[in-house]
PDB file of N, CA and C in Angstrom:
ATOM      1  N   LYS A   1     224.166  19.609  66.322  1.00  0.00           N
ATOM      2  CA  LYS A   1     223.847  18.333  66.923  1.00  0.00           C
ATOM      3  C   LYS A   1     222.622  18.473  67.797  1.00  0.00           C
ATOM      4  N   MET A   2     221.876  17.375  67.917  1.00  0.00           N
ATOM      5  CA  MET A   2     220.715  17.330  68.787  1.00  0.00           C
ATOM      6  C   MET A   2     220.870  16.132  69.709  1.00  0.00           C
ATOM      7  N   VAL A   3     220.605  16.367  70.996  1.00  0.00           N
ATOM      8  CA  VAL A   3     220.711  15.325  72.009  1.00  0.00           C
ATOM      9  C   VAL A   3     219.395  15.288  72.771  1.00  0.00           C
ATOM     10  N   GLU A   4     218.896  14.087  73.066  1.00  0.00           N
ATOM     11  CA  GLU A   4     217.690  13.940  73.862  1.00  0.00           C
ATOM     12  C   GLU A   4     218.052  13.363  75.223  1.00  0.00           C
ATOM     13  N   LEU A   5     217.545  14.012  76.286  1.00  0.00           N
ATOM     14  CA  LEU A   5     217.829  13.613  77.659  1.00  0.00           C
ATOM     15  C   LEU A   5     216.548  13.576  78.475  1.00  0.00           C
ATOM     16  N   LYS A   6     216.642  12.978  79.641  1.00  0.00           N
ATOM     17  CA  LYS A   6     215.577  13.034  80.648  1.00  0.00           C
ATOM     18  C   LYS A   6     216.031  13.986  81.751  1.00  0.00           C
ATOM     19  N   VAL A   7     215.065  14.569  82.473  1.00  0.00           N
ATOM     20  CA  VAL A   7     215.396  15.432  83.608  1.00  0.00           C
ATOM     21  C   VAL A   7     216.320  14.663  84.553  1.00  0.00           C
ATOM     22  N   GLY A   8     217.399  15.293  84.970  1.00  0.00           N
ATOM     23  CA  GLY A   8     218.369  14.666  85.858  1.00  0.00           C
ATOM     24  C   GLY A   8     219.545  14.016  85.137  1.00  0.00           C
ATOM     25  N   ASP A   9     219.452  13.896  83.802  1.00  0.00           N
ATOM     26  CA  ASP A   9     220.569  13.344  83.031  1.00  0.00           C
ATOM     27  C   ASP A   9     221.689  14.375  82.906  1.00  0.00           C
ATOM     28  N   LEU A  10     222.900  13.858  82.741  1.00  0.00           N
ATOM     29  CA  LEU A  10     224.061  14.711  82.502  1.00  0.00           C
ATOM     30  C   LEU A  10     224.363  14.785  81.014  1.00  0.00           C
ATOM     31  N   VAL A  11     224.770  15.948  80.573  1.00  0.00           N
ATOM     32  CA  VAL A  11     225.355  16.089  79.250  1.00  0.00           C
ATOM     33  C   VAL A  11     226.819  16.442  79.486  1.00  0.00           C
ATOM     34  N   ILE A  12     227.694  15.855  78.697  1.00  0.00           N
ATOM     35  CA  ILE A  12     229.124  16.115  78.840  1.00  0.00           C
ATOM     36  C   ILE A  12     229.657  16.634  77.512  1.00  0.00           C
ATOM     37  N   PHE A  13     230.228  17.808  77.545  1.00  0.00           N
ATOM     38  CA  PHE A  13     230.907  18.374  76.381  1.00  0.00           C
ATOM     39  C   PHE A  13     232.388  18.097  76.555  1.00  0.00           C
ATOM     40  N   LYS A  14     232.986  17.436  75.595  1.00  0.00           N
ATOM     41  CA  LYS A  14     234.421  17.183  75.624  1.00  0.00           C
ATOM     42  C   LYS A  14     235.041  17.879  74.422  1.00  0.00           C
ATOM     43  N   ASN A  15     236.052  18.696  74.689  1.00  0.00           N
ATOM     44  CA  ASN A  15     236.685  19.449  73.619  1.00  0.00           C
ATOM     45  C   ASN A  15     237.856  18.648  73.052  1.00  0.00           C
ATOM     46  N   ASN A  16     237.622  18.026  71.895  1.00  0.00           N
ATOM     47  CA  ASN A  16     238.664  17.252  71.214  1.00  0.00           C
ATOM     48  C   ASN A  16     239.375  18.063  70.142  1.00  0.00           C
ATOM     49  N   SER A  17     239.056  19.346  70.049  1.00  0.00           N
ATOM     50  CA  SER A  17     239.684  20.184  69.031  1.00  0.00           C
ATOM     51  C   SER A  17     240.928  20.859  69.602  1.00  0.00           C
ATOM     52  N   ASN A  18     241.595  21.616  68.755  1.00  0.00           N
ATOM     53  CA  ASN A  18     242.760  22.368  69.220  1.00  0.00           C
ATOM     54  C   ASN A  18     242.413  23.830  69.487  1.00  0.00           C
ATOM     55  N   GLN A  19     241.097  24.140  69.524  1.00  0.00           N
ATOM     56  CA  GLN A  19     240.621  25.491  69.808  1.00  0.00           C
ATOM     57  C   GLN A  19     239.725  25.457  71.040  1.00  0.00           C
ATOM     58  N   ASP A  20     239.553  26.599  71.676  1.00  0.00           N
ATOM     59  CA  ASP A  20     238.623  26.684  72.796  1.00  0.00           C
ATOM     60  C   ASP A  20     237.199  26.405  72.324  1.00  0.00           C
ATOM     61  N   PHE A  21     236.386  25.860  73.215  1.00  0.00           N
ATOM     62  CA  PHE A  21     234.970  25.611  72.967  1.00  0.00           C
ATOM     63  C   PHE A  21     234.204  26.232  74.123  1.00  0.00           C
ATOM     64  N   PHE A  22     233.181  27.034  73.801  1.00  0.00           N
ATOM     65  CA  PHE A  22     232.522  27.861  74.807  1.00  0.00           C
ATOM     66  C   PHE A  22     230.998  27.746  74.645  1.00  0.00           C
ATOM     67  N   PRO A  23     230.386  26.630  75.097  1.00  0.00           N
ATOM     68  CA  PRO A  23     228.945  26.477  74.908  1.00  0.00           C
ATOM     69  C   PRO A  23     228.132  27.397  75.817  1.00  0.00           C
ATOM     70  N   ILE A  24     227.179  28.110  75.210  1.00  0.00           N
ATOM     71  CA  ILE A  24     226.245  28.970  75.936  1.00  0.00           C
ATOM     72  C   ILE A  24     224.878  28.850  75.267  1.00  0.00           C
ATOM     73  N   THR A  25     223.816  29.217  75.985  1.00  0.00           N
ATOM     74  CA  THR A  25     222.492  29.208  75.374  1.00  0.00           C
ATOM     75  C   THR A  25     222.471  30.200  74.219  1.00  0.00           C
ATOM     76  N   SER A  26     221.708  29.862  73.196  1.00  0.00           N
ATOM     77  CA  SER A  26     221.761  30.689  71.983  1.00  0.00           C
ATOM     78  C   SER A  26     220.560  31.602  71.826  1.00  0.00           C
ATOM     79  N   TYR A  27     219.987  32.050  72.901  1.00  0.00           N
ATOM     80  CA  TYR A  27     218.898  33.021  72.829  1.00  0.00           C
ATOM     81  C   TYR A  27     219.462  34.417  73.043  1.00  0.00           C
ATOM     82  N   HIS A  28     219.004  35.362  72.245  1.00  0.00           N
ATOM     83  CA  HIS A  28     219.484  36.739  72.333  1.00  0.00           C
ATOM     84  C   HIS A  28     218.395  37.621  72.881  1.00  0.00           C
ATOM     85  N   PRO A  29     218.675  38.778  73.410  1.00  0.00           N
ATOM     86  CA  PRO A  29     220.008  39.373  73.459  1.00  0.00           C
ATOM     87  C   PRO A  29     220.780  39.032  74.725  1.00  0.00           C
ATOM     88  N   ASN A  30     220.151  38.442  75.741  1.00  0.00           N
ATOM     89  CA  ASN A  30     220.854  38.333  77.017  1.00  0.00           C
ATOM     90  C   ASN A  30     221.137  36.899  77.465  1.00  0.00           C
ATOM     91  N   HIS A  31     220.910  35.907  76.615  1.00  0.00           N
ATOM     92  CA  HIS A  31     221.216  34.505  76.933  1.00  0.00           C
ATOM     93  C   HIS A  31     220.575  34.067  78.248  1.00  0.00           C
ATOM     94  N   SER A  32     219.358  34.496  78.503  1.00  0.00           N
ATOM     95  CA  SER A  32     218.748  34.242  79.806  1.00  0.00           C
ATOM     96  C   SER A  32     217.828  33.033  79.831  1.00  0.00           C
ATOM     97  N   GLU A  33     217.690  32.327  78.736  1.00  0.00           N
ATOM     98  CA  GLU A  33     216.742  31.222  78.671  1.00  0.00           C
ATOM     99  C   GLU A  33     217.077  30.095  79.654  1.00  0.00           C
ATOM    100  N   TYR A  34     218.329  29.714  79.754  1.00  0.00           N
ATOM    101  CA  TYR A  34     218.750  28.688  80.726  1.00  0.00           C
ATOM    102  C   TYR A  34     220.122  29.096  81.233  1.00  0.00           C
ATOM    103  N   ARG A  35     220.152  30.200  81.922  1.00  0.00           N
ATOM    104  CA  ARG A  35     221.386  30.855  82.359  1.00  0.00           C
ATOM    105  C   ARG A  35     222.284  29.933  83.183  1.00  0.00           C
ATOM    106  N   GLU A  36     221.699  29.005  83.945  1.00  0.00           N
ATOM    107  CA  GLU A  36     222.495  28.102  84.779  1.00  0.00           C
ATOM    108  C   GLU A  36     223.434  27.226  83.945  1.00  0.00           C
ATOM    109  N   PHE A  37     223.044  26.959  82.712  1.00  0.00           N
ATOM    110  CA  PHE A  37     223.830  26.115  81.814  1.00  0.00           C
ATOM    111  C   PHE A  37     225.084  26.828  81.291  1.00  0.00           C
ATOM    112  N   ASP A  38     225.008  28.132  81.124  1.00  0.00           N
ATOM    113  CA  ASP A  38     226.089  28.890  80.486  1.00  0.00           C
ATOM    114  C   ASP A  38     227.391  28.839  81.287  1.00  0.00           C
ATOM    115  N   LEU A  39     228.461  28.569  80.588  1.00  0.00           N
ATOM    116  CA  LEU A  39     229.788  28.614  81.200  1.00  0.00           C
ATOM    117  C   LEU A  39     230.243  30.055  81.346  1.00  0.00           C
ATOM    118  N   LYS A  40     231.155  30.265  82.243  1.00  0.00           N
ATOM    119  CA  LYS A  40     231.726  31.605  82.442  1.00  0.00           C
ATOM    120  C   LYS A  40     233.059  31.759  81.714  1.00  0.00           C
ATOM    121  N   SER A  41     233.626  30.635  81.256  1.00  0.00           N
ATOM    122  CA  SER A  41     234.881  30.656  80.503  1.00  0.00           C
ATOM    123  C   SER A  41     234.896  29.445  79.573  1.00  0.00           C
ATOM    124  N   PRO A  42     235.685  29.497  78.503  1.00  0.00           N
ATOM    125  CA  PRO A  42     235.699  28.405  77.531  1.00  0.00           C
ATOM    126  C   PRO A  42     236.348  27.128  78.068  1.00  0.00           C
ATOM    127  N   ILE A  43     236.003  26.024  77.410  1.00  0.00           N
ATOM    128  CA  ILE A  43     236.635  24.732  77.670  1.00  0.00           C
ATOM    129  C   ILE A  43     237.886  24.680  76.796  1.00  0.00           C
ATOM    130  N   GLN A  44     239.011  24.508  77.391  1.00  0.00           N
ATOM    131  CA  GLN A  44     240.246  24.451  76.620  1.00  0.00           C
ATOM    132  C   GLN A  44     240.398  23.095  75.944  1.00  0.00           C
ATOM    133  N   SER A  45     241.276  23.022  74.980  1.00  0.00           N
ATOM    134  CA  SER A  45     241.550  21.781  74.260  1.00  0.00           C
ATOM    135  C   SER A  45     241.834  20.655  75.253  1.00  0.00           C
ATOM    136  N   GLY A  46     241.149  19.526  75.075  1.00  0.00           N
ATOM    137  CA  GLY A  46     241.325  18.378  75.959  1.00  0.00           C
ATOM    138  C   GLY A  46     240.468  18.421  77.204  1.00  0.00           C
ATOM    139  N   GLY A  47     239.798  19.546  77.460  1.00  0.00           N
ATOM    140  CA  GLY A  47     238.979  19.690  78.658  1.00  0.00           C
ATOM    141  C   GLY A  47     237.554  19.220  78.434  1.00  0.00           C
ATOM    142  N   LYS A  48     236.769  19.211  79.514  1.00  0.00           N
ATOM    143  CA  LYS A  48     235.369  18.830  79.394  1.00  0.00           C
ATOM    144  C   LYS A  48     234.523  19.620  80.390  1.00  0.00           C
ATOM    145  N   TYR A  49     233.231  19.614  80.141  1.00  0.00           N
ATOM    146  CA  TYR A  49     232.254  20.294  80.970  1.00  0.00           C
ATOM    147  C   TYR A  49     231.031  19.407  81.042  1.00  0.00           C
ATOM    148  N   GLN A  50     230.516  19.203  82.240  1.00  0.00           N
ATOM    149  CA  GLN A  50     229.289  18.427  82.369  1.00  0.00           C
ATOM    150  C   GLN A  50     228.239  19.238  83.096  1.00  0.00           C
ATOM    151  N   TYR A  51     226.984  18.983  82.718  1.00  0.00           N
ATOM    152  CA  TYR A  51     225.881  19.722  83.314  1.00  0.00           C
ATOM    153  C   TYR A  51     224.687  18.789  83.454  1.00  0.00           C
ATOM    154  N   LYS A  52     224.018  18.856  84.612  1.00  0.00           N
ATOM    155  CA  LYS A  52     222.813  18.068  84.849  1.00  0.00           C
ATOM    156  C   LYS A  52     221.599  18.953  84.570  1.00  0.00           C
ATOM    157  N   PHE A  53     220.785  18.538  83.613  1.00  0.00           N
ATOM    158  CA  PHE A  53     219.602  19.312  83.254  1.00  0.00           C
ATOM    159  C   PHE A  53     218.452  18.990  84.201  1.00  0.00           C
ATOM    160  N   GLU A  54     217.925  20.028  84.837  1.00  0.00           N
ATOM    161  CA  GLU A  54     216.839  19.885  85.807  1.00  0.00           C
ATOM    162  C   GLU A  54     215.518  20.462  85.296  1.00  0.00           C
ATOM    163  N   LYS A  55     215.523  21.050  84.100  1.00  0.00           N
ATOM    164  CA  LYS A  55     214.324  21.649  83.521  1.00  0.00           C
ATOM    165  C   LYS A  55     213.988  20.959  82.210  1.00  0.00           C
ATOM    166  N   THR A  56     212.687  20.699  81.995  1.00  0.00           N
ATOM    167  CA  THR A  56     212.265  20.182  80.696  1.00  0.00           C
ATOM    168  C   THR A  56     212.258  21.326  79.695  1.00  0.00           C
ATOM    169  N   GLY A  57     212.428  20.987  78.432  1.00  0.00           N
ATOM    170  CA  GLY A  57     212.377  21.987  77.376  1.00  0.00           C
ATOM    171  C   GLY A  57     213.348  21.664  76.266  1.00  0.00           C
ATOM    172  N   VAL A  58     213.359  22.531  75.286  1.00  0.00           N
ATOM    173  CA  VAL A  58     214.290  22.447  74.168  1.00  0.00           C
ATOM    174  C   VAL A  58     215.272  23.584  74.350  1.00  0.00           C
ATOM    175  N   TRP A  59     216.518  23.243  74.593  1.00  0.00           N
ATOM    176  CA  TRP A  59     217.544  24.224  74.930  1.00  0.00           C
ATOM    177  C   TRP A  59     218.571  24.289  73.807  1.00  0.00           C
ATOM    178  N   LYS A  60     218.550  25.382  73.082  1.00  0.00           N
ATOM    179  CA  LYS A  60     219.516  25.577  71.997  1.00  0.00           C
ATOM    180  C   LYS A  60     220.787  26.176  72.576  1.00  0.00           C
ATOM    181  N   TYR A  61     221.910  25.791  71.991  1.00  0.00           N
ATOM    182  CA  TYR A  61     223.185  26.346  72.443  1.00  0.00           C
ATOM    183  C   TYR A  61     224.065  26.634  71.244  1.00  0.00           C
ATOM    184  N   LYS A  62     225.084  27.423  71.478  1.00  0.00           N
ATOM    185  CA  LYS A  62     226.074  27.728  70.446  1.00  0.00           C
ATOM    186  C   LYS A  62     227.435  27.827  71.107  1.00  0.00           C
ATOM    187  N   ASP A  63     228.446  27.794  70.284  1.00  0.00           N
ATOM    188  CA  ASP A  63     229.819  27.991  70.744  1.00  0.00           C
ATOM    189  C   ASP A  63     230.090  29.484  70.701  1.00  0.00           C
ATOM    190  N   ASN A  64     230.267  30.099  71.861  1.00  0.00           N
ATOM    191  CA  ASN A  64     230.486  31.546  71.931  1.00  0.00           C
ATOM    192  C   ASN A  64     231.789  31.960  71.249  1.00  0.00           C
ATOM    193  N   ALA A  65     232.673  31.013  70.976  1.00  0.00           N
ATOM    194  CA  ALA A  65     233.915  31.295  70.261  1.00  0.00           C
ATOM    195  C   ALA A  65     233.754  31.084  68.754  1.00  0.00           C
ATOM    196  N   ASN A  66     232.666  30.403  68.346  1.00  0.00           N
ATOM    197  CA  ASN A  66     232.411  30.103  66.936  1.00  0.00           C
ATOM    198  C   ASN A  66     230.896  29.999  66.759  1.00  0.00           C
ATOM    199  N   PHE A  67     230.236  31.097  66.419  1.00  0.00           N
ATOM    200  CA  PHE A  67     228.775  31.151  66.376  1.00  0.00           C
ATOM    201  C   PHE A  67     228.149  30.198  65.357  1.00  0.00           C
ATOM    202  N   GLN A  68     228.932  29.663  64.434  1.00  0.00           N
ATOM    203  CA  GLN A  68     228.387  28.729  63.455  1.00  0.00           C
ATOM    204  C   GLN A  68     228.211  27.328  64.040  1.00  0.00           C
ATOM    205  N   ALA A  69     228.861  27.044  65.150  1.00  0.00           N
ATOM    206  CA  ALA A  69     228.733  25.744  65.817  1.00  0.00           C
ATOM    207  C   ALA A  69     227.558  25.820  66.784  1.00  0.00           C
ATOM    208  N   THR A  70     226.487  25.091  66.476  1.00  0.00           N
ATOM    209  CA  THR A  70     225.276  25.142  67.269  1.00  0.00           C
ATOM    210  C   THR A  70     224.767  23.743  67.577  1.00  0.00           C
ATOM    211  N   GLY A  71     223.838  23.662  68.507  1.00  0.00           N
ATOM    212  CA  GLY A  71     223.221  22.391  68.843  1.00  0.00           C
ATOM    213  C   GLY A  71     221.945  22.612  69.627  1.00  0.00           C
ATOM    214  N   GLU A  72     221.324  21.482  69.990  1.00  0.00           N
ATOM    215  CA  GLU A  72     220.060  21.535  70.698  1.00  0.00           C
ATOM    216  C   GLU A  72     219.991  20.370  71.667  1.00  0.00           C
ATOM    217  N   ILE A  73     219.519  20.644  72.859  1.00  0.00           N
ATOM    218  CA  ILE A  73     219.354  19.615  73.885  1.00  0.00           C
ATOM    219  C   ILE A  73     217.874  19.581  74.240  1.00  0.00           C
ATOM    220  N   ARG A  74     217.253  18.424  74.033  1.00  0.00           N
ATOM    221  CA  ARG A  74     215.823  18.262  74.353  1.00  0.00           C
ATOM    222  C   ARG A  74     215.725  17.460  75.644  1.00  0.00           C
ATOM    223  N   VAL A  75     215.085  18.054  76.647  1.00  0.00           N
ATOM    224  CA  VAL A  75     214.970  17.431  77.955  1.00  0.00           C
ATOM    225  C   VAL A  75     213.495  17.169  78.244  1.00  0.00           C
ATOM    226  N   SER A  76     213.178  15.914  78.537  1.00  0.00           N
ATOM    227  CA  SER A  76     211.796  15.545  78.850  1.00  0.00           C
ATOM    228  C   SER A  76     211.755  14.848  80.206  1.00  0.00           C
ATOM    229  N   LYS A  77     210.539  14.616  80.715  1.00  0.00           N
ATOM    230  CA  LYS A  77     210.361  13.942  82.001  1.00  0.00           C
ATOM    231  C   LYS A  77     210.595  12.450  81.863  1.00  0.00           C
TER     232      LYS A  77
END
C-alpha cells in the first residue's frame, strides 16, 4: 500500500487480522532510515498504532512478522 501525507499528519495502523502486525522501516541492515517510526513490539489483533510524521520523504515499511507485507508512506510539505 502507498499513502500520501503532509508533514504533521498522522498515520494509523489498525490490525484487523488475527495475527500480530509489526510495522518497521524496510531499509537494511539496521532499519535506521526513520528509526523513530519503528515499533518496539507488534500490534496485536484488534490493536492500533498511530504516528505523526515530522520528516518529508518516502518511507518504506514492512511487517517484521511477515516480510511480504510492505508499504510506502510519502510525506511532503
